PDB file of N, CA and C in Angstrom:
ATOM      1  N   MET A   1     105.226 167.611  90.352  1.00  0.00           N
ATOM      2  CA  MET A   1     106.101 167.511  92.082  1.00  0.00           C
ATOM      3  C   MET A   1     106.400 166.386  91.299  1.00  0.00           C
ATOM      4  N   ARG A   2     105.634 165.018  91.105  1.00  0.00           N
ATOM      5  CA  ARG A   2     105.942 164.004  90.604  1.00  0.00           C
ATOM      6  C   ARG A   2     106.449 164.153  88.840  1.00  0.00           C
ATOM      7  N   SER A   3     105.992 165.032  87.793  1.00  0.00           N
ATOM      8  CA  SER A   3     105.950 165.317  86.691  1.00  0.00           C
ATOM      9  C   SER A   3     107.691 165.159  86.508  1.00  0.00           C
ATOM     10  N   ILE A   4     108.467 166.078  87.902  1.00  0.00           N
ATOM     11  CA  ILE A   4     109.750 166.170  87.545  1.00  0.00           C
ATOM     12  C   ILE A   4     110.419 164.641  87.880  1.00  0.00           C
ATOM     13  N   LEU A   5     110.199 163.866  88.521  1.00  0.00           N
ATOM     14  CA  LEU A   5     110.535 162.758  88.949  1.00  0.00           C
ATOM     15  C   LEU A   5     110.183 161.897  87.950  1.00  0.00           C
ATOM     16  N   THR A   6     110.037 161.755  86.921  1.00  0.00           N
ATOM     17  CA  THR A   6     109.820 161.045  85.602  1.00  0.00           C
ATOM     18  C   THR A   6     110.567 161.716  84.681  1.00  0.00           C
ATOM     19  N   GLN A   7     110.995 162.839  84.422  1.00  0.00           N
ATOM     20  CA  GLN A   7     112.229 163.813  83.535  1.00  0.00           C
ATOM     21  C   GLN A   7     113.630 162.437  83.278  1.00  0.00           C
ATOM     22  N   GLU A   8     114.179 162.094  82.914  1.00  0.00           N
ATOM     23  CA  GLU A   8     115.328 161.919  82.866  1.00  0.00           C
ATOM     24  C   GLU A   8     116.193 162.640  82.977  1.00  0.00           C
ATOM     25  N   ASP A   9     116.290 164.072  82.881  1.00  0.00           N
ATOM     26  CA  ASP A   9     117.221 164.840  82.935  1.00  0.00           C
ATOM     27  C   ASP A   9     117.296 165.188  84.657  1.00  0.00           C
ATOM     28  N   ALA A  10     116.172 165.241  85.058  1.00  0.00           N
ATOM     29  CA  ALA A  10     116.217 165.630  86.517  1.00  0.00           C
ATOM     30  C   ALA A  10     116.730 164.113  87.368  1.00  0.00           C
ATOM     31  N   TYR A  11     117.557 163.833  86.610  1.00  0.00           N
ATOM     32  CA  TYR A  11     118.742 162.903  87.849  1.00  0.00           C
ATOM     33  C   TYR A  11     120.126 163.495  87.074  1.00  0.00           C
ATOM     34  N   LEU A  12     120.886 164.239  86.258  1.00  0.00           N
ATOM     35  CA  LEU A  12     121.474 164.437  86.292  1.00  0.00           C
ATOM     36  C   LEU A  12     122.261 165.229  87.158  1.00  0.00           C
ATOM     37  N   GLU A  13     123.985 165.193  87.377  1.00  0.00           N
ATOM     38  CA  GLU A  13     124.606 165.880  88.051  1.00  0.00           C
ATOM     39  C   GLU A  13     124.257 167.560  88.624  1.00  0.00           C
ATOM     40  N   ALA A  14     123.596 167.755  87.246  1.00  0.00           N
ATOM     41  CA  ALA A  14     123.965 169.754  87.305  1.00  0.00           C
ATOM     42  C   ALA A  14     122.409 169.590  88.481  1.00  0.00           C
ATOM     43  N   ASN A  15     121.624 168.939  87.853  1.00  0.00           N
ATOM     44  CA  ASN A  15     119.830 169.212  88.656  1.00  0.00           C
ATOM     45  C   ASN A  15     119.809 168.367  90.555  1.00  0.00           C
ATOM     46  N   LYS A  16     120.937 167.808  90.301  1.00  0.00           N
ATOM     47  CA  LYS A  16     120.960 167.235  91.750  1.00  0.00           C
ATOM     48  C   LYS A  16     120.122 168.417  92.967  1.00  0.00           C
ATOM     49  N   GLU A  17     120.749 169.166  93.365  1.00  0.00           N
ATOM     50  CA  GLU A  17     119.785 169.996  94.167  1.00  0.00           C
ATOM     51  C   GLU A  17     118.836 170.360  94.118  1.00  0.00           C
ATOM     52  N   LYS A  18     118.429 170.690  92.806  1.00  0.00           N
ATOM     53  CA  LYS A  18     116.966 170.671  92.725  1.00  0.00           C
ATOM     54  C   LYS A  18     116.041 169.496  92.396  1.00  0.00           C
ATOM     55  N   LEU A  19     116.612 168.287  92.563  1.00  0.00           N
ATOM     56  CA  LEU A  19     115.991 166.611  92.597  1.00  0.00           C
ATOM     57  C   LEU A  19     115.662 166.964  94.284  1.00  0.00           C
ATOM     58  N   GLN A  20     116.580 167.156  94.813  1.00  0.00           N
ATOM     59  CA  GLN A  20     116.813 167.139  96.717  1.00  0.00           C
ATOM     60  C   GLN A  20     116.259 167.451  97.087  1.00  0.00           C
ATOM     61  N   ASN A  21     115.884 168.862  96.526  1.00  0.00           N
ATOM     62  CA  ASN A  21     114.730 169.987  97.461  1.00  0.00           C
ATOM     63  C   ASN A  21     112.720 169.402  96.608  1.00  0.00           C
ATOM     64  N   THR A  22     112.929 168.960  95.495  1.00  0.00           N
ATOM     65  CA  THR A  22     111.881 167.961  94.785  1.00  0.00           C
ATOM     66  C   THR A  22     111.266 167.252  96.344  1.00  0.00           C
ATOM     67  N   LEU A  23     112.909 166.032  96.235  1.00  0.00           N
ATOM     68  CA  LEU A  23     112.412 165.141  97.100  1.00  0.00           C
ATOM     69  C   LEU A  23     112.000 165.465  98.402  1.00  0.00           C
ATOM     70  N   SER A  24     112.343 166.020  99.050  1.00  0.00           N
ATOM     71  CA  SER A  24     112.560 166.621 100.637  1.00  0.00           C
ATOM     72  C   SER A  24     110.909 167.615 100.365  1.00  0.00           C
ATOM     73  N   GLU A  25     111.121 168.549  99.592  1.00  0.00           N
ATOM     74  CA  GLU A  25     109.219 168.565  99.730  1.00  0.00           C
ATOM     75  C   GLU A  25     108.466 167.969  98.880  1.00  0.00           C
ATOM     76  N   LEU A  26     108.228 166.925  98.229  1.00  0.00           N
ATOM     77  CA  LEU A  26     107.771 165.821  98.305  1.00  0.00           C
ATOM     78  C   LEU A  26     107.315 164.694  99.686  1.00  0.00           C
ATOM     79  N   ALA A  27     108.302 164.708 100.428  1.00  0.00           N
ATOM     80  CA  ALA A  27     108.542 164.410 101.637  1.00  0.00           C
ATOM     81  C   ALA A  27     106.870 164.391 102.131  1.00  0.00           C
ATOM     82  N   LYS A  28     107.588 166.095 102.310  1.00  0.00           N
ATOM     83  CA  LYS A  28     106.875 167.232 103.686  1.00  0.00           C
ATOM     84  C   LYS A  28     105.150 166.960 103.092  1.00  0.00           C
ATOM     85  N   VAL A  29     104.838 167.083 101.754  1.00  0.00           N
ATOM     86  CA  VAL A  29     103.474 166.997 101.348  1.00  0.00           C
ATOM     87  C   VAL A  29     102.572 165.604 101.824  1.00  0.00           C
ATOM     88  N   LYS A  30     103.412 164.469 101.475  1.00  0.00           N
ATOM     89  CA  LYS A  30     103.285 163.300 101.983  1.00  0.00           C
ATOM     90  C   LYS A  30     102.917 162.672 103.254  1.00  0.00           C
ATOM     91  N   THR A  31     103.741 163.599 104.439  1.00  0.00           N
ATOM     92  CA  THR A  31     103.503 163.783 105.781  1.00  0.00           C
ATOM     93  C   THR A  31     102.269 164.409 105.664  1.00  0.00           C
ATOM     94  N   GLN A  32     102.113 165.891 104.985  1.00  0.00           N
ATOM     95  CA  GLN A  32     101.162 166.451 105.773  1.00  0.00           C
ATOM     96  C   GLN A  32      99.837 165.709 105.150  1.00  0.00           C
ATOM     97  N   LEU A  33      99.770 165.188 104.312  1.00  0.00           N
ATOM     98  CA  LEU A  33      99.124 164.214 103.547  1.00  0.00           C
ATOM     99  C   LEU A  33      98.280 163.511 104.685  1.00  0.00           C
ATOM    100  N   ALA A  34      99.301 162.390 105.280  1.00  0.00           N
ATOM    101  CA  ALA A  34      98.748 161.365 106.459  1.00  0.00           C
ATOM    102  C   ALA A  34      98.399 161.977 106.834  1.00  0.00           C
ATOM    103  N   GLN A  35      98.823 162.963 108.033  1.00  0.00           N
ATOM    104  CA  GLN A  35      98.278 163.896 109.291  1.00  0.00           C
ATOM    105  C   GLN A  35      96.909 164.014 108.359  1.00  0.00           C
ATOM    106  N   ILE A  36      96.571 164.420 107.683  1.00  0.00           N
ATOM    107  CA  ILE A  36      95.186 165.261 107.408  1.00  0.00           C
ATOM    108  C   ILE A  36      94.022 163.672 107.071  1.00  0.00           C
ATOM    109  N   GLU A  37      94.693 162.887 107.132  1.00  0.00           N
ATOM    110  CA  GLU A  37      93.892 161.624 106.296  1.00  0.00           C
ATOM    111  C   GLU A  37      93.923 161.141 108.062  1.00  0.00           C
ATOM    112  N   GLU A  38      94.160 161.012 108.736  1.00  0.00           N
ATOM    113  CA  GLU A  38      94.470 160.777 110.082  1.00  0.00           C
ATOM    114  C   GLU A  38      93.402 161.450 110.804  1.00  0.00           C
ATOM    115  N   THR A  39      93.380 162.959 110.794  1.00  0.00           N
ATOM    116  CA  THR A  39      92.603 163.838 111.120  1.00  0.00           C
ATOM    117  C   THR A  39      91.133 163.549 110.863  1.00  0.00           C
ATOM    118  N   TRP A  40      90.571 163.407 109.480  1.00  0.00           N
ATOM    119  CA  TRP A  40      89.893 163.133 108.906  1.00  0.00           C
ATOM    120  C   TRP A  40      88.988 162.024 109.336  1.00  0.00           C
ATOM    121  N   LEU A  41      89.546 161.029 109.707  1.00  0.00           N
ATOM    122  CA  LEU A  41      89.892 159.132 109.950  1.00  0.00           C
ATOM    123  C   LEU A  41      88.499 159.576 111.203  1.00  0.00           C
ATOM    124  N   ALA A  42      89.427 160.500 112.268  1.00  0.00           N
ATOM    125  CA  ALA A  42      88.688 160.620 113.623  1.00  0.00           C
ATOM    126  C   ALA A  42      87.581 161.327 113.709  1.00  0.00           C
ATOM    127  N   CYS A  43      87.737 162.450 112.618  1.00  0.00           N
ATOM    128  CA  CYS A  43      86.527 163.245 112.647  1.00  0.00           C
ATOM    129  C   CYS A  43      85.267 162.160 112.377  1.00  0.00           C
ATOM    130  N   GLN A  44      85.484 161.271 111.108  1.00  0.00           N
ATOM    131  CA  GLN A  44      84.693 160.636 110.694  1.00  0.00           C
ATOM    132  C   GLN A  44      83.821 159.535 111.698  1.00  0.00           C
ATOM    133  N   GLU A  45      85.383 158.971 111.909  1.00  0.00           N
ATOM    134  CA  GLU A  45      84.483 157.995 113.523  1.00  0.00           C
ATOM    135  C   GLU A  45      83.615 159.071 114.304  1.00  0.00           C
ATOM    136  N   GLU A  46      83.573 159.971 114.789  1.00  0.00           N
ATOM    137  CA  GLU A  46      83.057 160.728 115.616  1.00  0.00           C
ATOM    138  C   GLU A  46      81.685 161.479 114.860  1.00  0.00           C
ATOM    139  N   LEU A  47      81.614 161.552 114.274  1.00  0.00           N
ATOM    140  CA  LEU A  47      80.675 161.714 112.803  1.00  0.00           C
ATOM    141  C   LEU A  47      79.436 160.641 113.442  1.00  0.00           C
ATOM    142  N   GLU A  48      80.220 159.351 113.442  1.00  0.00           N
ATOM    143  CA  GLU A  48      79.350 157.987 113.024  1.00  0.00           C
ATOM    144  C   GLU A  48      79.074 157.903 114.870  1.00  0.00           C
ATOM    145  N   ARG A  49      80.097 158.437 115.401  1.00  0.00           N
ATOM    146  CA  ARG A  49      79.281 157.858 117.047  1.00  0.00           C
ATOM    147  C   ARG A  49      77.946 159.246 117.398  1.00  0.00           C
ATOM    148  N   ILE A  50      78.215 159.607 116.740  1.00  0.00           N
ATOM    149  CA  ILE A  50      77.301 160.938 116.824  1.00  0.00           C
ATOM    150  C   ILE A  50      76.500 160.274 116.700  1.00  0.00           C
ATOM    151  N   GLU A  51      76.262 160.359 115.048  1.00  0.00           N
ATOM    152  CA  GLU A  51      74.777 159.717 114.388  1.00  0.00           C
ATOM    153  C   GLU A  51      74.481 158.331 115.337  1.00  0.00           C
ATOM    154  N   THR A  52      75.396 157.165 116.073  1.00  0.00           N
ATOM    155  CA  THR A  52      74.631 156.308 116.454  1.00  0.00           C
ATOM    156  C   THR A  52      74.034 157.153 117.310  1.00  0.00           C
ATOM    157  N   GLU A  53      74.276 157.951 118.266  1.00  0.00           N
ATOM    158  CA  GLU A  53      73.391 158.652 119.736  1.00  0.00           C
ATOM    159  C   GLU A  53      72.487 159.061 119.023  1.00  0.00           C
ATOM    160  N   ILE A  54      72.337 159.841 118.254  1.00  0.00           N
ATOM    161  CA  ILE A  54      71.035 160.500 117.782  1.00  0.00           C
ATOM    162  C   ILE A  54      70.005 159.861 117.916  1.00  0.00           C
ATOM    163  N   GLU A  55      70.266 158.110 116.244  1.00  0.00           N
ATOM    164  CA  GLU A  55      69.822 157.694 116.517  1.00  0.00           C
ATOM    165  C   GLU A  55      69.115 156.869 118.068  1.00  0.00           C
ATOM    166  N   LYS A  56      69.680 156.554 118.319  1.00  0.00           N
ATOM    167  CA  LYS A  56      69.542 155.985 120.087  1.00  0.00           C
ATOM    168  C   LYS A  56      68.578 156.773 120.228  1.00  0.00           C
ATOM    169  N   GLN A  57      68.582 158.176 120.622  1.00  0.00           N
ATOM    170  CA  GLN A  57      67.864 158.391 121.229  1.00  0.00           C
ATOM    171  C   GLN A  57      66.439 159.223 120.300  1.00  0.00           C
ATOM    172  N   PHE A  58      66.220 158.958 119.082  1.00  0.00           N
ATOM    173  CA  PHE A  58      64.973 158.865 118.779  1.00  0.00           C
ATOM    174  C   PHE A  58      64.607 158.001 118.241  1.00  0.00           C
ATOM    175  N   ALA A  59      65.347 156.726 118.482  1.00  0.00           N
ATOM    176  CA  ALA A  59      64.476 155.303 118.916  1.00  0.00           C
ATOM    177  C   ALA A  59      63.826 154.888 120.181  1.00  0.00           C
ATOM    178  N   GLU A  60      64.592 155.935 121.412  1.00  0.00           N
ATOM    179  CA  GLU A  60      63.732 155.823 122.667  1.00  0.00           C
ATOM    180  C   GLU A  60      62.441 156.052 122.439  1.00  0.00           C
ATOM    181  N   ARG A  61      61.892 157.248 121.611  1.00  0.00           N
ATOM    182  CA  ARG A  61      60.913 158.080 121.579  1.00  0.00           C
ATOM    183  C   ARG A  61      59.493 157.370 121.652  1.00  0.00           C
TER     184      ARG A  61
END
C-alpha cells in the first residue's frame, strides 16, 4: 500500500481516485492497528496482574 504512495505517477490526475482509495484504506488500517495495539496492551496488563497474583499465592505457601 505504501509503495503506491512512493510512485510519482500515483499523484497524477488520472490516478486521483486510486490515490484517494489507497489513502482511505491506509487510514482504516492505521485505525485497526491502533485498536489492536490497545487491546494487546490491555491483555498484557491483565496477564501481568494475573502473574503477580499467582506469585503472591505461591509466596504465601
